[in-house]
């Protein structure tokens, strides 16, 4: 018995060597999603969110400095998305 991580949803799961599902997938929905070539929506990654912040600050505020604070609703929204991605 070992602890593995699902290739699709990235959750840890227990796998016995005699399980029916092939190694690498934690459940029937993950196996079927793989078979249909569907991807689960994981949301933005931290690097994507950070690049959006830099792009917005460069275009709107004229800087890419992440340490500056602006009273900007879009900055707040992008920073929340970045925090959720972490």
PDB file of N, CA and C in Angstrom:
ATOM      1  N   UNK A   1       0.850  -1.161   0.000  1.00  0.00           N
ATOM      2  CA  UNK A   1       0.000   0.000   0.000  1.00  0.00           C
ATOM      3  C   UNK A   1       0.902   1.232   0.000  1.00  0.00           C
ATOM      4  N   UNK A   2       0.475   2.260  -0.767  1.00  0.00           N
ATOM      5  CA  UNK A   2       1.281   3.480  -0.831  1.00  0.00           C
ATOM      6  C   UNK A   2       0.388   4.692  -1.024  1.00  0.00           C
ATOM      7  N   UNK A   3       0.941   5.868  -0.756  1.00  0.00           N
ATOM      8  CA  UNK A   3       0.222   7.120  -0.967  1.00  0.00           C
ATOM      9  C   UNK A   3       0.724   7.712  -2.279  1.00  0.00           C
ATOM     10  N   UNK A   4      -0.190   7.946  -3.191  1.00  0.00           N
ATOM     11  CA  UNK A   4       0.137   8.522  -4.493  1.00  0.00           C
ATOM     12  C   UNK A   4      -0.593   9.837  -4.666  1.00  0.00           C
ATOM     13  N   UNK A   5      -0.270  10.556  -5.715  1.00  0.00           N
ATOM     14  CA  UNK A   5      -0.956  11.793  -6.061  1.00  0.00           C
ATOM     15  C   UNK A   5      -1.615  11.602  -7.414  1.00  0.00           C
ATOM     16  N   UNK A   6      -2.880  11.975  -7.504  1.00  0.00           N
ATOM     17  CA  UNK A   6      -3.634  11.826  -8.744  1.00  0.00           C
ATOM     18  C   UNK A   6      -3.043  12.727  -9.827  1.00  0.00           C
ATOM     19  N   UNK A   7      -2.899  12.201 -11.029  1.00  0.00           N
ATOM     20  CA  UNK A   7      -2.331  12.976 -12.134  1.00  0.00           C
ATOM     21  C   UNK A   7      -3.249  14.102 -12.581  1.00  0.00           C
ATOM     22  N   UNK A   8      -4.550  13.936 -12.405  1.00  0.00           N
ATOM     23  CA  UNK A   8      -5.495  14.922 -12.894  1.00  0.00           C
ATOM     24  C   UNK A   8      -5.844  15.976 -11.848  1.00  0.00           C
ATOM     25  N   UNK A   9      -6.279  15.557 -10.662  1.00  0.00           N
ATOM     26  CA  UNK A   9      -6.748  16.516  -9.659  1.00  0.00           C
ATOM     27  C   UNK A   9      -5.694  16.844  -8.609  1.00  0.00           C
ATOM     28  N   UNK A  10      -4.565  16.152  -8.609  1.00  0.00           N
ATOM     29  CA  UNK A  10      -3.431  16.412  -7.705  1.00  0.00           C
ATOM     30  C   UNK A  10      -3.730  16.146  -6.231  1.00  0.00           C
ATOM     31  N   UNK A  11      -4.747  15.334  -5.925  1.00  0.00           N
ATOM     32  CA  UNK A  11      -5.049  14.975  -4.541  1.00  0.00           C
ATOM     33  C   UNK A  11      -4.311  13.697  -4.162  1.00  0.00           C
ATOM     34  N   UNK A  12      -3.844  13.600  -2.920  1.00  0.00           N
ATOM     35  CA  UNK A  12      -3.222  12.343  -2.488  1.00  0.00           C
ATOM     36  C   UNK A  12      -4.294  11.278  -2.261  1.00  0.00           C
ATOM     37  N   UNK A  13      -3.955  10.029  -2.532  1.00  0.00           N
ATOM     38  CA  UNK A  13      -4.902   8.940  -2.344  1.00  0.00           C
ATOM     39  C   UNK A  13      -4.125   7.655  -2.017  1.00  0.00           C
ATOM     40  N   UNK A  14      -4.831   6.703  -1.380  1.00  0.00           N
ATOM     41  CA  UNK A  14      -4.243   5.405  -1.069  1.00  0.00           C
ATOM     42  C   UNK A  14      -4.499   4.474  -2.234  1.00  0.00           C
ATOM     43  N   UNK A  15      -3.517   3.672  -2.589  1.00  0.00           N
ATOM     44  CA  UNK A  15      -3.692   2.733  -3.686  1.00  0.00           C
ATOM     45  C   UNK A  15      -3.139   1.371  -3.262  1.00  0.00           C
ATOM     46  N   UNK A  16      -4.003   0.379  -3.348  1.00  0.00           N
ATOM     47  CA  UNK A  16      -3.565  -0.989  -3.123  1.00  0.00           C
ATOM     48  C   UNK A  16      -3.094  -1.554  -4.459  1.00  0.00           C
ATOM     49  N   UNK A  17      -2.180  -2.472  -4.427  1.00  0.00           N
ATOM     50  CA  UNK A  17      -1.614  -2.985  -5.672  1.00  0.00           C
ATOM     51  C   UNK A  17      -2.637  -3.750  -6.509  1.00  0.00           C
ATOM     52  N   UNK A  18      -3.702  -4.238  -5.919  1.00  0.00           N
ATOM     53  CA  UNK A  18      -4.705  -4.996  -6.667  1.00  0.00           C
ATOM     54  C   UNK A  18      -5.871  -4.170  -7.161  1.00  0.00           C
ATOM     55  N   UNK A  19      -5.811  -2.831  -7.062  1.00  0.00           N
ATOM     56  CA  UNK A  19      -6.914  -1.983  -7.510  1.00  0.00           C
ATOM     57  C   UNK A  19      -7.142  -2.124  -9.004  1.00  0.00           C
ATOM     58  N   UNK A  20      -8.402  -1.929  -9.407  1.00  0.00           N
ATOM     59  CA  UNK A  20      -8.753  -2.030 -10.819  1.00  0.00           C
ATOM     60  C   UNK A  20      -8.257  -0.835 -11.619  1.00  0.00           C
ATOM     61  N   UNK A  21      -8.428   0.371 -11.076  1.00  0.00           N
ATOM     62  CA  UNK A  21      -8.040   1.556 -11.838  1.00  0.00           C
ATOM     63  C   UNK A  21      -6.537   1.626 -12.003  1.00  0.00           C
ATOM     64  N   UNK A  22      -6.072   2.023 -13.159  1.00  0.00           N
ATOM     65  CA  UNK A  22      -4.617   2.115 -13.375  1.00  0.00           C
ATOM     66  C   UNK A  22      -3.970   3.100 -12.411  1.00  0.00           C
ATOM     67  N   UNK A  23      -2.712   2.874 -12.182  1.00  0.00           N
ATOM     68  CA  UNK A  23      -1.965   3.747 -11.281  1.00  0.00           C
ATOM     69  C   UNK A  23      -1.961   5.170 -11.809  1.00  0.00           C
ATOM     70  N   UNK A  24      -2.059   6.129 -10.884  1.00  0.00           N
ATOM     71  CA  UNK A  24      -1.986   7.525 -11.269  1.00  0.00           C
ATOM     72  C   UNK A  24      -3.296   8.265 -11.159  1.00  0.00           C
ATOM     73  N   UNK A  25      -4.420   7.575 -10.934  1.00  0.00           N
ATOM     74  CA  UNK A  25      -5.722   8.234 -10.849  1.00  0.00           C
ATOM     75  C   UNK A  25      -6.428   7.797  -9.586  1.00  0.00           C
ATOM     76  N   UNK A  26      -7.078   8.757  -8.907  1.00  0.00           N
ATOM     77  CA  UNK A  26      -7.635   8.486  -7.592  1.00  0.00           C
ATOM     78  C   UNK A  26      -9.066   7.962  -7.605  1.00  0.00           C
ATOM     79  N   UNK A  27      -9.809   8.208  -8.685  1.00  0.00           N
ATOM     80  CA  UNK A  27     -11.221   7.845  -8.657  1.00  0.00           C
ATOM     81  C   UNK A  27     -11.762   7.624 -10.060  1.00  0.00           C
ATOM     82  N   UNK A  28     -13.004   7.174 -10.116  1.00  0.00           N
ATOM     83  CA  UNK A  28     -13.670   6.958 -11.398  1.00  0.00           C
ATOM     84  C   UNK A  28     -13.822   8.266 -12.180  1.00  0.00           C
ATOM     85  N   UNK A  29     -14.271   9.381 -11.574  1.00  0.00           N
ATOM     86  CA  UNK A  29     -14.386  10.625 -12.344  1.00  0.00           C
ATOM     87  C   UNK A  29     -13.056  11.078 -12.954  1.00  0.00           C
ATOM     88  N   UNK A  30     -11.961  10.919 -12.223  1.00  0.00           N
ATOM     89  CA  UNK A  30     -10.659  11.309 -12.768  1.00  0.00           C
ATOM     90  C   UNK A  30     -10.275  10.396 -13.934  1.00  0.00           C
ATOM     91  N   UNK A  31     -10.531   9.110 -13.797  1.00  0.00           N
ATOM     92  CA  UNK A  31     -10.215   8.181 -14.873  1.00  0.00           C
ATOM     93  C   UNK A  31     -11.050   8.496 -16.119  1.00  0.00           C
ATOM     94  N   UNK A  32     -12.348   8.784 -15.934  1.00  0.00           N
ATOM     95  CA  UNK A  32     -13.202   9.096 -17.076  1.00  0.00           C
ATOM     96  C   UNK A  32     -12.837  10.429 -17.700  1.00  0.00           C
ATOM     97  N   UNK A  33     -12.440  11.401 -16.887  1.00  0.00           N
ATOM     98  CA  UNK A  33     -12.009  12.686 -17.424  1.00  0.00           C
ATOM     99  C   UNK A  33     -10.749  12.516 -18.258  1.00  0.00           C
ATOM    100  N   UNK A  34      -9.859  11.670 -17.805  1.00  0.00           N
ATOM    101  CA  UNK A  34      -8.651  11.410 -18.575  1.00  0.00           C
ATOM    102  C   UNK A  34      -8.999  10.738 -19.893  1.00  0.00           C
ATOM    103  N   UNK A  35      -9.926   9.797 -19.847  1.00  0.00           N
ATOM    104  CA  UNK A  35     -10.313   9.064 -21.049  1.00  0.00           C
ATOM    105  C   UNK A  35     -10.974   9.980 -22.078  1.00  0.00           C
ATOM    106  N   UNK A  36     -11.705  10.984 -21.604  1.00  0.00           N
ATOM    107  CA  UNK A  36     -12.389  11.914 -22.507  1.00  0.00           C
ATOM    108  C   UNK A  36     -11.531  13.128 -22.830  1.00  0.00           C
ATOM    109  N   UNK A  37     -10.340  13.171 -22.262  1.00  0.00           N
ATOM    110  CA  UNK A  37      -9.410  14.292 -22.455  1.00  0.00           C
ATOM    111  C   UNK A  37      -9.991  15.603 -21.927  1.00  0.00           C
ATOM    112  N   UNK A  38     -10.719  15.518 -20.818  1.00  0.00           N
ATOM    113  CA  UNK A  38     -11.258  16.711 -20.171  1.00  0.00           C
ATOM    114  C   UNK A  38     -10.292  17.152 -19.093  1.00  0.00           C
ATOM    115  N   UNK A  39     -10.232  18.427 -18.867  1.00  0.00           N
ATOM    116  CA  UNK A  39      -9.397  18.958 -17.800  1.00  0.00           C
ATOM    117  C   UNK A  39     -10.292  19.544 -16.722  1.00  0.00           C
ATOM    118  N   UNK A  40      -9.915  19.337 -15.492  1.00  0.00           N
ATOM    119  CA  UNK A  40     -10.635  19.950 -14.391  1.00  0.00           C
ATOM    120  C   UNK A  40     -10.180  21.395 -14.267  1.00  0.00           C
ATOM    121  N   UNK A  41     -11.109  22.303 -13.970  1.00  0.00           N
ATOM    122  CA  UNK A  41     -10.771  23.707 -13.838  1.00  0.00           C
ATOM    123  C   UNK A  41     -10.087  23.929 -12.502  1.00  0.00           C
ATOM    124  N   UNK A  42      -8.819  24.200 -12.553  1.00  0.00           N
ATOM    125  CA  UNK A  42      -8.041  24.394 -11.335  1.00  0.00           C
ATOM    126  C   UNK A  42      -7.903  25.862 -10.965  1.00  0.00           C
ATOM    127  N   UNK A  43      -8.375  26.766 -11.809  1.00  0.00           N
ATOM    128  CA  UNK A  43      -8.231  28.188 -11.555  1.00  0.00           C
ATOM    129  C   UNK A  43      -6.867  28.678 -11.995  1.00  0.00           C
ATOM    130  N   UNK A  44      -6.609  29.943 -11.810  1.00  0.00           N
ATOM    131  CA  UNK A  44      -5.335  30.492 -12.261  1.00  0.00           C
ATOM    132  C   UNK A  44      -4.180  30.023 -11.381  1.00  0.00           C
ATOM    133  N   UNK A  45      -3.055  29.834 -11.989  1.00  0.00           N
ATOM    134  CA  UNK A  45      -1.871  29.486 -11.213  1.00  0.00           C
ATOM    135  C   UNK A  45      -1.266  30.769 -10.654  1.00  0.00           C
ATOM    136  N   UNK A  46      -0.387  30.630  -9.704  1.00  0.00           N
ATOM    137  CA  UNK A  46       0.219  31.798  -9.075  1.00  0.00           C
ATOM    138  C   UNK A  46       1.033  32.604 -10.083  1.00  0.00           C
ATOM    139  N   UNK A  47       1.735  31.928 -10.974  1.00  0.00           N
ATOM    140  CA  UNK A  47       2.547  32.656 -11.956  1.00  0.00           C
ATOM    141  C   UNK A  47       1.672  33.417 -12.951  1.00  0.00           C
ATOM    142  N   UNK A  48       0.513  32.835 -13.325  1.00  0.00           N
ATOM    143  CA  UNK A  48      -0.410  33.546 -14.221  1.00  0.00           C
ATOM    144  C   UNK A  48      -0.980  34.781 -13.534  1.00  0.00           C
ATOM    145  N   UNK A  49      -1.375  34.630 -12.271  1.00  0.00           N
ATOM    146  CA  UNK A  49      -1.938  35.758 -11.527  1.00  0.00           C
ATOM    147  C   UNK A  49      -0.897  36.857 -11.338  1.00  0.00           C
ATOM    148  N   UNK A  50       0.336  36.481 -11.059  1.00  0.00           N
ATOM    149  CA  UNK A  50       1.401  37.460 -10.878  1.00  0.00           C
ATOM    150  C   UNK A  50       1.692  38.208 -12.180  1.00  0.00           C
ATOM    151  N   UNK A  51       1.659  37.514 -13.305  1.00  0.00           N
ATOM    152  CA  UNK A  51       1.889  38.192 -14.584  1.00  0.00           C
ATOM    153  C   UNK A  51       0.748  39.147 -14.917  1.00  0.00           C
ATOM    154  N   UNK A  52      -0.485  38.809 -14.517  1.00  0.00           N
ATOM    155  CA  UNK A  52      -1.614  39.726 -14.712  1.00  0.00           C
ATOM    156  C   UNK A  52      -1.443  40.985 -13.869  1.00  0.00           C
ATOM    157  N   UNK A  53      -0.962  40.817 -12.638  1.00  0.00           N
ATOM    158  CA  UNK A  53      -0.707  41.978 -11.772  1.00  0.00           C
ATOM    159  C   UNK A  53       0.339  42.882 -12.403  1.00  0.00           C
ATOM    160  N   UNK A  54       1.433  42.293 -12.861  1.00  0.00           N
ATOM    161  CA  UNK A  54       2.505  43.092 -13.474  1.00  0.00           C
ATOM    162  C   UNK A  54       2.018  43.807 -14.728  1.00  0.00           C
ATOM    163  N   UNK A  55       1.235  43.113 -15.541  1.00  0.00           N
ATOM    164  CA  UNK A  55       0.711  43.717 -16.777  1.00  0.00           C
ATOM    165  C   UNK A  55      -0.193  44.903 -16.453  1.00  0.00           C
ATOM    166  N   UNK A  56      -1.103  44.717 -15.481  1.00  0.00           N
ATOM    167  CA  UNK A  56      -2.012  45.793 -15.095  1.00  0.00           C
ATOM    168  C   UNK A  56      -1.235  46.988 -14.551  1.00  0.00           C
ATOM    169  N   UNK A  57      -0.279  46.740 -13.684  1.00  0.00           N
ATOM    170  CA  UNK A  57       0.484  47.846 -13.081  1.00  0.00           C
ATOM    171  C   UNK A  57       1.341  48.569 -14.109  1.00  0.00           C
ATOM    172  N   UNK A  58       1.867  47.827 -15.081  1.00  0.00           N
ATOM    173  CA  UNK A  58       2.673  48.460 -16.118  1.00  0.00           C
ATOM    174  C   UNK A  58       1.796  49.359 -16.997  1.00  0.00           C
ATOM    175  N   UNK A  59       0.602  48.881 -17.363  1.00  0.00           N
ATOM    176  CA  UNK A  59      -0.276  49.645 -18.247  1.00  0.00           C
ATOM    177  C   UNK A  59      -0.994  50.792 -17.534  1.00  0.00           C
ATOM    178  N   UNK A  60      -1.485  50.545 -16.335  1.00  0.00           N
ATOM    179  CA  UNK A  60      -2.306  51.531 -15.631  1.00  0.00           C
ATOM    180  C   UNK A  60      -1.505  52.470 -14.728  1.00  0.00           C
ATOM    181  N   UNK A  61      -0.474  51.953 -14.061  1.00  0.00           N
ATOM    182  CA  UNK A  61       0.238  52.741 -13.063  1.00  0.00           C
ATOM    183  C   UNK A  61       1.667  53.096 -13.487  1.00  0.00           C
ATOM    184  N   UNK A  62       2.138  52.526 -14.587  1.00  0.00           N
ATOM    185  CA  UNK A  62       3.460  52.875 -15.098  1.00  0.00           C
ATOM    186  C   UNK A  62       4.619  52.232 -14.371  1.00  0.00           C
ATOM    187  N   UNK A  63       4.384  51.189 -13.602  1.00  0.00           N
ATOM    188  CA  UNK A  63       5.443  50.492 -12.878  1.00  0.00           C
ATOM    189  C   UNK A  63       5.069  49.025 -12.724  1.00  0.00           C
ATOM    190  N   UNK A  64       6.058  48.180 -12.508  1.00  0.00           N
ATOM    191  CA  UNK A  64       5.795  46.766 -12.231  1.00  0.00           C
ATOM    192  C   UNK A  64       6.182  46.407 -10.800  1.00  0.00           C
ATOM    193  N   UNK A  65       6.467  47.419  -9.989  1.00  0.00           N
ATOM    194  CA  UNK A  65       6.863  47.209  -8.604  1.00  0.00           C
ATOM    195  C   UNK A  65       5.703  46.615  -7.814  1.00  0.00           C
ATOM    196  N   UNK A  66       5.917  45.438  -7.229  1.00  0.00           N
ATOM    197  CA  UNK A  66       4.861  44.763  -6.479  1.00  0.00           C
ATOM    198  C   UNK A  66       4.741  45.253  -5.048  1.00  0.00           C
ATOM    199  N   UNK A  67       5.716  46.037  -4.594  1.00  0.00           N
ATOM    200  CA  UNK A  67       5.682  46.503  -3.209  1.00  0.00           C
ATOM    201  C   UNK A  67       4.875  47.782  -3.034  1.00  0.00           C
ATOM    202  N   UNK A  68       4.578  48.485  -4.105  1.00  0.00           N
ATOM    203  CA  UNK A  68       3.777  49.716  -4.032  1.00  0.00           C
ATOM    204  C   UNK A  68       2.312  49.364  -3.814  1.00  0.00           C
ATOM    205  N   UNK A  69       1.591  50.242  -3.121  1.00  0.00           N
ATOM    206  CA  UNK A  69       0.167  50.054  -2.904  1.00  0.00           C
ATOM    207  C   UNK A  69      -0.577  51.152  -3.630  1.00  0.00           C
ATOM    208  N   UNK A  70      -1.607  50.775  -4.369  1.00  0.00           N
ATOM    209  CA  UNK A  70      -2.461  51.721  -5.085  1.00  0.00           C
ATOM    210  C   UNK A  70      -3.889  51.516  -4.634  1.00  0.00           C
ATOM    211  N   UNK A  71      -4.624  52.613  -4.503  1.00  0.00           N
ATOM    212  CA  UNK A  71      -6.040  52.532  -4.142  1.00  0.00           C
ATOM    213  C   UNK A  71      -6.826  52.269  -5.428  1.00  0.00           C
ATOM    214  N   UNK A  72      -6.677  51.051  -5.933  1.00  0.00           N
ATOM    215  CA  UNK A  72      -7.234  50.679  -7.228  1.00  0.00           C
ATOM    216  C   UNK A  72      -8.034  49.380  -7.050  1.00  0.00           C
ATOM    217  N   UNK A  73      -9.266  49.397  -7.493  1.00  0.00           N
ATOM    218  CA  UNK A  73     -10.124  48.229  -7.338  1.00  0.00           C
ATOM    219  C   UNK A  73      -9.582  47.028  -8.115  1.00  0.00           C
ATOM    220  N   UNK A  74      -9.043  47.255  -9.297  1.00  0.00           N
ATOM    221  CA  UNK A  74      -8.503  46.166 -10.108  1.00  0.00           C
ATOM    222  C   UNK A  74      -7.266  45.564  -9.451  1.00  0.00           C
ATOM    223  N   UNK A  75      -6.428  46.403  -8.852  1.00  0.00           N
ATOM    224  CA  UNK A  75      -5.256  45.885  -8.134  1.00  0.00           C
ATOM    225  C   UNK A  75      -5.689  44.969  -6.994  1.00  0.00           C
ATOM    226  N   UNK A  76      -6.695  45.385  -6.249  1.00  0.00           N
ATOM    227  CA  UNK A  76      -7.194  44.580  -5.134  1.00  0.00           C
ATOM    228  C   UNK A  76      -7.728  43.236  -5.631  1.00  0.00           C
ATOM    229  N   UNK A  77      -8.470  43.268  -6.725  1.00  0.00           N
ATOM    230  CA  UNK A  77      -9.035  42.045  -7.300  1.00  0.00           C
ATOM    231  C   UNK A  77      -7.918  41.090  -7.743  1.00  0.00           C
ATOM    232  N   UNK A  78      -6.917  41.619  -8.432  1.00  0.00           N
ATOM    233  CA  UNK A  78      -5.816  40.788  -8.906  1.00  0.00           C
ATOM    234  C   UNK A  78      -4.995  40.225  -7.753  1.00  0.00           C
ATOM    235  N   UNK A  79      -4.810  40.991  -6.698  1.00  0.00           N
ATOM    236  CA  UNK A  79      -4.071  40.519  -5.543  1.00  0.00           C
ATOM    237  C   UNK A  79      -4.837  39.424  -4.795  1.00  0.00           C
ATOM    238  N   UNK A  80      -6.179  39.533  -4.755  1.00  0.00           N
ATOM    239  CA  UNK A  80      -6.996  38.461  -4.154  1.00  0.00           C
ATOM    240  C   UNK A  80      -6.854  37.181  -4.959  1.00  0.00           C
ATOM    241  N   UNK A  81      -6.886  37.273  -6.287  1.00  0.00           N
ATOM    242  CA  UNK A  81      -6.715  36.087  -7.141  1.00  0.00           C
ATOM    243  C   UNK A  81      -5.344  35.458  -6.923  1.00  0.00           C
ATOM    244  N   UNK A  82      -4.318  36.291  -6.757  1.00  0.00           N
ATOM    245  CA  UNK A  82      -2.971  35.793  -6.511  1.00  0.00           C
ATOM    246  C   UNK A  82      -2.905  35.068  -5.172  1.00  0.00           C
ATOM    247  N   UNK A  83      -3.534  35.644  -4.143  1.00  0.00           N
ATOM    248  CA  UNK A  83      -3.541  35.011  -2.818  1.00  0.00           C
ATOM    249  C   UNK A  83      -4.284  33.684  -2.862  1.00  0.00           C
ATOM    250  N   UNK A  84      -5.381  33.594  -3.603  1.00  0.00           N
ATOM    251  CA  UNK A  84      -6.129  32.337  -3.711  1.00  0.00           C
ATOM    252  C   UNK A  84      -5.321  31.289  -4.463  1.00  0.00           C
ATOM    253  N   UNK A  85      -4.531  31.711  -5.438  1.00  0.00           N
ATOM    254  CA  UNK A  85      -3.735  30.772  -6.226  1.00  0.00           C
ATOM    255  C   UNK A  85      -2.591  30.177  -5.404  1.00  0.00           C
ATOM    256  N   UNK A  86      -2.126  30.932  -4.410  1.00  0.00           N
ATOM    257  CA  UNK A  86      -1.046  30.413  -3.560  1.00  0.00           C
ATOM    258  C   UNK A  86      -1.603  29.354  -2.655  1.00  0.00           C
TER     259      UNK A  86
END
